[in-house]
Amino acid sequence: MIANLPPSDRAGLSAKELTENIDYAFLARESTKWGKNVSWSDFLHYVLPHRVSQEKATSWRKLFFNELIPLVAECESMEEAVLAVNRWCFSKTGFKSTQRWDQNPLMTINRGWGRCEEAVILTVCALRSVGIPERQAMVPAWQHSNDNHTWTEVQVDGKWHYI
């Protein structure tokens, strides 16, 4: 894993931060009804990563796991858990344009707002914290304007859906 980190993360992340991320990713895999149904490849690519985009790396997984595991513990399906996590994310933040660089998920919660990419970063991290595979999807540039957009896609029972 260390060999595949971006150089800035190799230099900036401590072993403790990286180990905590890995430990809680595996804890989510073991603690949820759906965790072991996620393929090993999907776990490695869509659950384990410590960062979503170009936001500053931060230790979010333990905090999110501790807050969200009780919320999803009674969910009967992965789909039900996705909806619960999505509602939690939107209770924490709203939309507002921010600076050019992406906020990490803790900063978005602390500020109470973020752009679409920051909402995606928050949602992706929250879903990862409970072992649900997800990914960022985007339109890098609209043909009709000088703008872009991004959203979250989530894998439920092996099929991708946008939220």
C-alpha atoms as a PDB file:
ATOM      1  CA  MET A   1       0.000   0.000   0.000  1.00  0.00           C
ATOM      2  CA  ILE A   2       2.795   2.410   0.865  1.00  0.00           C
ATOM      3  CA  ALA A   3       4.415   1.841  -2.526  1.00  0.00           C
ATOM      4  CA  ASN A   4       1.204   3.007  -4.236  1.00  0.00           C
ATOM      5  CA  LEU A   5       0.732   6.176  -2.174  1.00  0.00           C
ATOM      6  CA  PRO A   6       1.238   9.546  -3.862  1.00  0.00           C
ATOM      7  CA  PRO A   7       4.642  10.992  -2.904  1.00  0.00           C
ATOM      8  CA  SER A   8       3.040  13.706  -0.747  1.00  0.00           C
ATOM      9  CA  ASP A   9       1.181  11.068   1.293  1.00  0.00           C
ATOM     10  CA  ARG A  10       4.298   8.905   1.620  1.00  0.00           C
ATOM     11  CA  ALA A  11       6.101  11.905   3.067  1.00  0.00           C
ATOM     12  CA  GLY A  12       3.205  13.345   5.087  1.00  0.00           C
ATOM     13  CA  LEU A  13       1.241  10.429   6.533  1.00  0.00           C
ATOM     14  CA  SER A  14       2.508   8.798   9.671  1.00  0.00           C
ATOM     15  CA  ALA A  15       2.556   5.031  10.087  1.00  0.00           C
ATOM     16  CA  LYS A  16      -0.009   5.479  12.871  1.00  0.00           C
ATOM     17  CA  GLU A  17      -2.438   7.331  10.576  1.00  0.00           C
ATOM     18  CA  LEU A  18      -2.073   4.786   7.810  1.00  0.00           C
ATOM     19  CA  THR A  19      -2.402   1.832  10.199  1.00  0.00           C
ATOM     20  CA  GLU A  20      -5.545   3.318  11.776  1.00  0.00           C
ATOM     21  CA  ASN A  21      -7.104   3.704   8.319  1.00  0.00           C
ATOM     22  CA  ILE A  22      -6.302   0.092   7.435  1.00  0.00           C
ATOM     23  CA  ASP A  23      -7.448  -1.283  10.803  1.00  0.00           C
ATOM     24  CA  TYR A  24     -10.822   0.474  10.646  1.00  0.00           C
ATOM     25  CA  ALA A  25     -11.380  -0.509   7.010  1.00  0.00           C
ATOM     26  CA  PHE A  26     -10.968  -4.157   8.011  1.00  0.00           C
ATOM     27  CA  LEU A  27     -13.082  -3.627  11.133  1.00  0.00           C
ATOM     28  CA  ALA A  28     -15.917  -2.332   8.932  1.00  0.00           C
ATOM     29  CA  ARG A  29     -15.506  -5.366   6.657  1.00  0.00           C
ATOM     30  CA  GLU A  30     -15.842  -7.676   9.661  1.00  0.00           C
ATOM     31  CA  SER A  31     -18.539  -5.699  11.530  1.00  0.00           C
ATOM     32  CA  THR A  32     -21.201  -5.238   8.867  1.00  0.00           C
ATOM     33  CA  LYS A  33     -23.665  -7.676   7.347  1.00  0.00           C
ATOM     34  CA  TRP A  34     -22.443  -6.853   3.837  1.00  0.00           C
ATOM     35  CA  GLY A  35     -18.708  -6.468   4.498  1.00  0.00           C
ATOM     36  CA  LYS A  36     -17.600  -9.956   3.536  1.00  0.00           C
ATOM     37  CA  ASN A  37     -19.846  -9.914   0.453  1.00  0.00           C
ATOM     38  CA  VAL A  38     -17.736  -7.113  -1.051  1.00  0.00           C
ATOM     39  CA  SER A  39     -15.145  -8.674  -3.351  1.00  0.00           C
ATOM     40  CA  TRP A  40     -11.498  -8.375  -2.337  1.00  0.00           C
ATOM     41  CA  SER A  41     -10.754  -6.268  -5.431  1.00  0.00           C
ATOM     42  CA  ASP A  42     -13.657  -3.886  -4.728  1.00  0.00           C
ATOM     43  CA  PHE A  43     -12.606  -3.644  -1.080  1.00  0.00           C
ATOM     44  CA  LEU A  44      -9.061  -2.680  -2.077  1.00  0.00           C
ATOM     45  CA  HIS A  45     -10.159  -0.153  -4.701  1.00  0.00           C
ATOM     46  CA  TYR A  46     -13.354   1.331  -3.260  1.00  0.00           C
ATOM     47  CA  VAL A  47     -13.294   0.872   0.539  1.00  0.00           C
ATOM     48  CA  LEU A  48      -9.675   0.837   1.735  1.00  0.00           C
ATOM     49  CA  PRO A  49      -8.304   4.123   0.259  1.00  0.00           C
ATOM     50  CA  HIS A  50      -7.628   6.876   2.790  1.00  0.00           C
ATOM     51  CA  ARG A  51      -8.352   9.747   0.411  1.00  0.00           C
ATOM     52  CA  VAL A  52     -10.885  10.457  -2.355  1.00  0.00           C
ATOM     53  CA  SER A  53      -9.438  13.215  -4.522  1.00  0.00           C
ATOM     54  CA  GLN A  54      -6.895  15.936  -3.900  1.00  0.00           C
ATOM     55  CA  GLU A  55      -8.113  16.901  -0.432  1.00  0.00           C
ATOM     56  CA  LYS A  56      -5.563  17.039   2.363  1.00  0.00           C
ATOM     57  CA  ALA A  57      -5.212  13.599   3.942  1.00  0.00           C
ATOM     58  CA  THR A  58      -6.641  13.438   7.448  1.00  0.00           C
ATOM     59  CA  SER A  59      -7.650  10.789   9.983  1.00  0.00           C
ATOM     60  CA  TRP A  60     -11.418  10.523   9.456  1.00  0.00           C
ATOM     61  CA  ARG A  61     -12.154   6.788   9.351  1.00  0.00           C
ATOM     62  CA  LYS A  62     -12.187   5.977  13.094  1.00  0.00           C
ATOM     63  CA  LEU A  63     -14.388   8.981  13.873  1.00  0.00           C
ATOM     64  CA  PHE A  64     -16.854   8.161  11.090  1.00  0.00           C
ATOM     65  CA  PHE A  65     -16.857   4.447  11.926  1.00  0.00           C
ATOM     66  CA  ASN A  66     -17.700   5.143  15.569  1.00  0.00           C
ATOM     67  CA  GLU A  67     -20.518   7.510  14.627  1.00  0.00           C
ATOM     68  CA  LEU A  68     -21.978   5.550  11.705  1.00  0.00           C
ATOM     69  CA  ILE A  69     -21.710   1.888  12.744  1.00  0.00           C
ATOM     70  CA  PRO A  70     -24.549   2.276  15.287  1.00  0.00           C
ATOM     71  CA  LEU A  71     -26.620   3.989  12.574  1.00  0.00           C
ATOM     72  CA  VAL A  72     -26.223   1.114  10.093  1.00  0.00           C
ATOM     73  CA  ALA A  73     -26.130  -1.776  12.578  1.00  0.00           C
ATOM     74  CA  GLU A  74     -29.877  -2.343  12.330  1.00  0.00           C
ATOM     75  CA  CYS A  75     -30.041  -1.916   8.553  1.00  0.00           C
ATOM     76  CA  GLU A  76     -31.259  -5.081   6.877  1.00  0.00           C
ATOM     77  CA  SER A  77     -29.521  -4.404   3.567  1.00  0.00           C
ATOM     78  CA  MET A  78     -26.611  -2.542   2.060  1.00  0.00           C
ATOM     79  CA  GLU A  79     -29.101  -0.340   0.188  1.00  0.00           C
ATOM     80  CA  GLU A  80     -30.776   0.653   3.455  1.00  0.00           C
ATOM     81  CA  ALA A  81     -27.360   1.462   4.942  1.00  0.00           C
ATOM     82  CA  VAL A  82     -26.445   3.625   1.921  1.00  0.00           C
ATOM     83  CA  LEU A  83     -29.614   5.672   2.403  1.00  0.00           C
ATOM     84  CA  ALA A  84     -28.960   6.055   6.150  1.00  0.00           C
ATOM     85  CA  VAL A  85     -25.391   7.229   5.542  1.00  0.00           C
ATOM     86  CA  ASN A  86     -26.517   9.572   2.772  1.00  0.00           C
ATOM     87  CA  ARG A  87     -29.098  11.187   5.087  1.00  0.00           C
ATOM     88  CA  TRP A  88     -26.416  11.537   7.792  1.00  0.00           C
ATOM     89  CA  CYS A  89     -24.083  13.293   5.335  1.00  0.00           C
ATOM     90  CA  PHE A  90     -26.721  15.761   4.260  1.00  0.00           C
ATOM     91  CA  SER A  91     -27.609  16.509   7.871  1.00  0.00           C
ATOM     92  CA  LYS A  92     -23.987  17.594   8.380  1.00  0.00           C
ATOM     93  CA  THR A  93     -23.482  19.948   5.429  1.00  0.00           C
ATOM     94  CA  GLY A  94     -25.016  22.104   2.729  1.00  0.00           C
ATOM     95  CA  PHE A  95     -23.887  23.439  -0.641  1.00  0.00           C
ATOM     96  CA  LYS A  96     -21.787  26.569  -0.896  1.00  0.00           C
ATOM     97  CA  SER A  97     -18.906  27.434  -3.205  1.00  0.00           C
ATOM     98  CA  THR A  98     -15.529  27.275  -1.504  1.00  0.00           C
ATOM     99  CA  GLN A  99     -11.915  27.844  -2.406  1.00  0.00           C
ATOM    100  CA  ARG A 100     -10.286  26.172  -5.369  1.00  0.00           C
ATOM    101  CA  TRP A 101      -8.725  23.324  -3.328  1.00  0.00           C
ATOM    102  CA  ASP A 102     -10.872  20.559  -1.909  1.00  0.00           C
ATOM    103  CA  GLN A 103     -11.699  20.414   1.783  1.00  0.00           C
ATOM    104  CA  ASN A 104     -11.221  17.168   3.659  1.00  0.00           C
ATOM    105  CA  PRO A 105     -14.395  15.582   5.116  1.00  0.00           C
ATOM    106  CA  LEU A 106     -13.777  16.855   8.652  1.00  0.00           C
ATOM    107  CA  MET A 107     -13.386  20.431   7.425  1.00  0.00           C
ATOM    108  CA  THR A 108     -16.642  20.136   5.454  1.00  0.00           C
ATOM    109  CA  ILE A 109     -18.474  19.006   8.598  1.00  0.00           C
ATOM    110  CA  ASN A 110     -16.849  21.718  10.719  1.00  0.00           C
ATOM    111  CA  ARG A 111     -17.766  24.443   8.217  1.00  0.00           C
ATOM    112  CA  GLY A 112     -21.204  22.992   7.520  1.00  0.00           C
ATOM    113  CA  TRP A 113     -20.883  23.514   3.777  1.00  0.00           C
ATOM    114  CA  GLY A 114     -18.917  22.653   0.669  1.00  0.00           C
ATOM    115  CA  ARG A 115     -19.024  22.382  -3.107  1.00  0.00           C
ATOM    116  CA  CYS A 116     -20.281  19.288  -4.905  1.00  0.00           C
ATOM    117  CA  GLU A 117     -16.807  17.707  -4.771  1.00  0.00           C
ATOM    118  CA  GLU A 118     -16.601  18.243  -1.024  1.00  0.00           C
ATOM    119  CA  ALA A 119     -20.048  16.686  -0.574  1.00  0.00           C
ATOM    120  CA  VAL A 120     -18.735  13.721  -2.578  1.00  0.00           C
ATOM    121  CA  ILE A 121     -15.584  13.504  -0.448  1.00  0.00           C
ATOM    122  CA  LEU A 122     -17.703  13.498   2.722  1.00  0.00           C
ATOM    123  CA  THR A 123     -20.140  10.906   1.349  1.00  0.00           C
ATOM    124  CA  VAL A 124     -17.408   8.638  -0.020  1.00  0.00           C
ATOM    125  CA  CYS A 125     -15.526   8.701   3.291  1.00  0.00           C
ATOM    126  CA  ALA A 126     -18.705   8.051   5.282  1.00  0.00           C
ATOM    127  CA  LEU A 127     -19.620   5.071   3.082  1.00  0.00           C
ATOM    128  CA  ARG A 128     -16.073   3.721   3.231  1.00  0.00           C
ATOM    129  CA  SER A 129     -16.156   3.926   7.020  1.00  0.00           C
ATOM    130  CA  VAL A 130     -18.948   1.324   7.089  1.00  0.00           C
ATOM    131  CA  GLY A 131     -17.487  -0.913   4.377  1.00  0.00           C
ATOM    132  CA  ILE A 132     -19.612   0.151   1.406  1.00  0.00           C
ATOM    133  CA  PRO A 133     -17.819   0.416  -1.963  1.00  0.00           C
ATOM    134  CA  GLU A 134     -18.179   3.756  -3.695  1.00  0.00           C
ATOM    135  CA  ARG A 135     -16.410   6.008  -6.152  1.00  0.00           C
ATOM    136  CA  GLN A 136     -16.343   9.584  -7.316  1.00  0.00           C
ATOM    137  CA  ALA A 137     -17.785  10.228 -10.789  1.00  0.00           C
ATOM    138  CA  MET A 138     -17.496  13.507 -12.640  1.00  0.00           C
ATOM    139  CA  VAL A 139     -17.951  15.656 -15.691  1.00  0.00           C
ATOM    140  CA  PRO A 140     -14.653  17.571 -15.888  1.00  0.00           C
ATOM    141  CA  ALA A 141     -16.141  20.269 -18.124  1.00  0.00           C
ATOM    142  CA  TRP A 142     -19.614  21.037 -19.424  1.00  0.00           C
ATOM    143  CA  GLN A 143     -19.774  21.943 -23.137  1.00  0.00           C
ATOM    144  CA  HIS A 144     -22.248  24.770 -22.485  1.00  0.00           C
ATOM    145  CA  SER A 145     -20.391  26.482 -19.598  1.00  0.00           C
ATOM    146  CA  ASN A 146     -17.042  26.929 -17.908  1.00  0.00           C
ATOM    147  CA  ASP A 147     -17.895  24.580 -15.048  1.00  0.00           C
ATOM    148  CA  ASN A 148     -17.844  20.949 -13.927  1.00  0.00           C
ATOM    149  CA  HIS A 149     -19.749  18.604 -11.619  1.00  0.00           C
ATOM    150  CA  THR A 150     -19.095  15.527  -9.506  1.00  0.00           C
ATOM    151  CA  TRP A 151     -21.272  12.979  -7.681  1.00  0.00           C
ATOM    152  CA  THR A 152     -21.005   9.731  -5.740  1.00  0.00           C
ATOM    153  CA  GLU A 153     -21.605   6.299  -7.211  1.00  0.00           C
ATOM    154  CA  VAL A 154     -22.138   3.425  -4.819  1.00  0.00           C
ATOM    155  CA  GLN A 155     -21.944  -0.311  -5.380  1.00  0.00           C
ATOM    156  CA  VAL A 156     -24.880  -2.194  -3.889  1.00  0.00           C
ATOM    157  CA  ASP A 157     -24.899  -5.960  -4.267  1.00  0.00           C
ATOM    158  CA  GLY A 158     -22.380  -5.780  -7.123  1.00  0.00           C
ATOM    159  CA  LYS A 159     -24.171  -3.081  -9.176  1.00  0.00           C
ATOM    160  CA  TRP A 160     -23.219   0.605  -9.420  1.00  0.00           C
ATOM    161  CA  HIS A 161     -25.790   3.352  -8.704  1.00  0.00           C
ATOM    162  CA  TYR A 162     -25.492   7.132  -8.448  1.00  0.00           C
ATOM    163  CA  ILE A 163     -26.645   8.991  -5.365  1.00  0.00           C
END
